[in-house]
Amino acid sequence: MGKLKDLRLPTADISTSGGSITVRGLTLVDITTLVRGRFDEVASLFDKYVPQEGASSLNTEAIGRELIDTAPEIAAYIIALAADGDEDDAGIAMKLPFPVQIEALEAIGKLTFGADGGPKKVLETVIRIAKHVTGLVRDARASEIGSLVTGAKSASS
């Protein structure tokens, strides 16, 4: 049996005139970060592109174009995360030429959704995370509102 440290995750190299970047599929941590930080935009994209019953694959090219058209900040952040960068790197990813962004997003989509279990398994996980995060946000807001209405003091007061 192999060891985790010996595992070589699949990646893709994306070339630009200024060099190249290596991207990988998004991890659970990456997806959780995206969902927490940009829930409404991410949920809207998944609602639009979740495969219908019986469909076997996602149209990653269409998702990439949609991301760049309607949510360029999310697209740049996805590229940065998949290149093992951070939010600061998203600013650089946002300045990449459009064809390079599309190529990167397509590669990231294939590396992410081509994982064992396919897109359905990945999307089910994302939807579960999104529902959990949304529930936590609602509970926190309800608790704050309840405290304000009843005049209760917080534990830190």
Foldseek 3Di string as FASTA:
>chain_A
DDDPVPDDADWDWQADPVGIFIFAADDPVLLLVCCLVPVVVVVVLCVVFVDDPPDAATPQLVSLVCCVVPPLLSLLQNLQVRRVHHSVSSVVSSPDDPVSSSVSSSRNRCRHQVPPPGNVVVSVSSVVSNVVSVVVVVVVVVVVVVCVVVVPDDPVD
